[in-house]
């Protein structure tokens, strides 16, 4: 997910996407613990997407968004 895509979303869409990604991260971590996860890079990508969304939300709250 690119930052421009996140910036085009409404705040409600961002929060919904954030919750969706967090839930997926929990599922992936569980699969990794059980040894069933094939694509381990997916965890890293999800974490980066979560950070990206949170960063843009905080920038808009502070008024420093591009």
C-alpha atoms as a PDB file:
ATOM      1  CA  UNK A   1       0.000   0.000   0.000  1.00  0.00           C
ATOM      2  CA  UNK A   2       1.424   3.338  -1.038  1.00  0.00           C
ATOM      3  CA  UNK A   3       1.166   6.543   1.017  1.00  0.00           C
ATOM      4  CA  UNK A   4      -0.832   8.244  -1.735  1.00  0.00           C
ATOM      5  CA  UNK A   5      -3.455   5.507  -1.515  1.00  0.00           C
ATOM      6  CA  UNK A   6      -3.749   6.031   2.232  1.00  0.00           C
ATOM      7  CA  UNK A   7      -4.019   9.804   1.879  1.00  0.00           C
ATOM      8  CA  UNK A   8      -6.921   9.426  -0.563  1.00  0.00           C
ATOM      9  CA  UNK A   9      -8.907   7.418   2.012  1.00  0.00           C
ATOM     10  CA  UNK A  10     -11.292   9.001   4.480  1.00  0.00           C
ATOM     11  CA  UNK A  11     -10.487   8.757   8.171  1.00  0.00           C
ATOM     12  CA  UNK A  12     -13.137   6.050   8.645  1.00  0.00           C
ATOM     13  CA  UNK A  13     -11.666   4.001   5.809  1.00  0.00           C
ATOM     14  CA  UNK A  14      -8.180   4.331   7.307  1.00  0.00           C
ATOM     15  CA  UNK A  15      -9.344   3.153  10.703  1.00  0.00           C
ATOM     16  CA  UNK A  16     -11.223   0.219   9.148  1.00  0.00           C
ATOM     17  CA  UNK A  17      -8.155  -0.751   7.105  1.00  0.00           C
ATOM     18  CA  UNK A  18      -5.972  -0.436  10.212  1.00  0.00           C
ATOM     19  CA  UNK A  19      -8.201  -2.823  12.150  1.00  0.00           C
ATOM     20  CA  UNK A  20      -8.267  -5.234   9.218  1.00  0.00           C
ATOM     21  CA  UNK A  21      -4.467  -5.230   8.977  1.00  0.00           C
ATOM     22  CA  UNK A  22      -4.038  -5.714  12.720  1.00  0.00           C
ATOM     23  CA  UNK A  23      -6.359  -8.711  12.650  1.00  0.00           C
ATOM     24  CA  UNK A  24      -4.479 -10.186   9.703  1.00  0.00           C
ATOM     25  CA  UNK A  25      -1.175  -9.648  11.532  1.00  0.00           C
ATOM     26  CA  UNK A  26      -2.444 -11.605  14.525  1.00  0.00           C
ATOM     27  CA  UNK A  27      -3.512 -14.463  12.246  1.00  0.00           C
ATOM     28  CA  UNK A  28      -0.164 -14.488  10.451  1.00  0.00           C
ATOM     29  CA  UNK A  29       1.764 -14.509  13.722  1.00  0.00           C
ATOM     30  CA  UNK A  30      -0.295 -17.467  14.900  1.00  0.00           C
ATOM     31  CA  UNK A  31       0.424 -19.328  11.672  1.00  0.00           C
ATOM     32  CA  UNK A  32       4.124 -18.550  12.039  1.00  0.00           C
ATOM     33  CA  UNK A  33       4.152 -19.958  15.573  1.00  0.00           C
ATOM     34  CA  UNK A  34       2.473 -23.134  14.397  1.00  0.00           C
ATOM     35  CA  UNK A  35       4.880 -23.467  11.485  1.00  0.00           C
ATOM     36  CA  UNK A  36       2.208 -23.166   8.793  1.00  0.00           C
ATOM     37  CA  UNK A  37       3.217 -19.821   7.311  1.00  0.00           C
ATOM     38  CA  UNK A  38       4.828 -19.995   3.874  1.00  0.00           C
ATOM     39  CA  UNK A  39       5.232 -16.289   3.049  1.00  0.00           C
ATOM     40  CA  UNK A  40       7.026 -14.896   6.093  1.00  0.00           C
ATOM     41  CA  UNK A  41       7.676 -11.561   4.369  1.00  0.00           C
ATOM     42  CA  UNK A  42       3.931 -10.887   4.555  1.00  0.00           C
ATOM     43  CA  UNK A  43       4.263 -10.156   8.288  1.00  0.00           C
ATOM     44  CA  UNK A  44       6.841  -7.483   7.590  1.00  0.00           C
ATOM     45  CA  UNK A  45       4.727  -5.912   4.854  1.00  0.00           C
ATOM     46  CA  UNK A  46       1.648  -5.800   7.088  1.00  0.00           C
ATOM     47  CA  UNK A  47       3.638  -4.131   9.858  1.00  0.00           C
ATOM     48  CA  UNK A  48       4.908  -1.502   7.430  1.00  0.00           C
ATOM     49  CA  UNK A  49       1.391  -0.833   6.138  1.00  0.00           C
ATOM     50  CA  UNK A  50       0.147  -0.375   9.705  1.00  0.00           C
ATOM     51  CA  UNK A  51       2.973   2.051  10.437  1.00  0.00           C
ATOM     52  CA  UNK A  52       2.254   3.935   7.205  1.00  0.00           C
ATOM     53  CA  UNK A  53      -1.410   4.391   8.090  1.00  0.00           C
ATOM     54  CA  UNK A  54      -0.630   5.467  11.651  1.00  0.00           C
ATOM     55  CA  UNK A  55       1.964   7.960  10.432  1.00  0.00           C
ATOM     56  CA  UNK A  56      -0.458   9.607   8.021  1.00  0.00           C
ATOM     57  CA  UNK A  57      -3.208   9.726  10.663  1.00  0.00           C
ATOM     58  CA  UNK A  58      -0.827  11.421  13.109  1.00  0.00           C
ATOM     59  CA  UNK A  59       0.407  13.857  10.463  1.00  0.00           C
ATOM     60  CA  UNK A  60      -3.138  14.943   9.729  1.00  0.00           C
ATOM     61  CA  UNK A  61      -3.960  15.350  13.408  1.00  0.00           C
ATOM     62  CA  UNK A  62      -0.909  17.563  13.861  1.00  0.00           C
ATOM     63  CA  UNK A  63      -1.542  19.426  10.634  1.00  0.00           C
ATOM     64  CA  UNK A  64       1.774  18.520   9.037  1.00  0.00           C
ATOM     65  CA  UNK A  65       0.378  16.414   6.188  1.00  0.00           C
ATOM     66  CA  UNK A  66       1.654  17.083   2.687  1.00  0.00           C
END
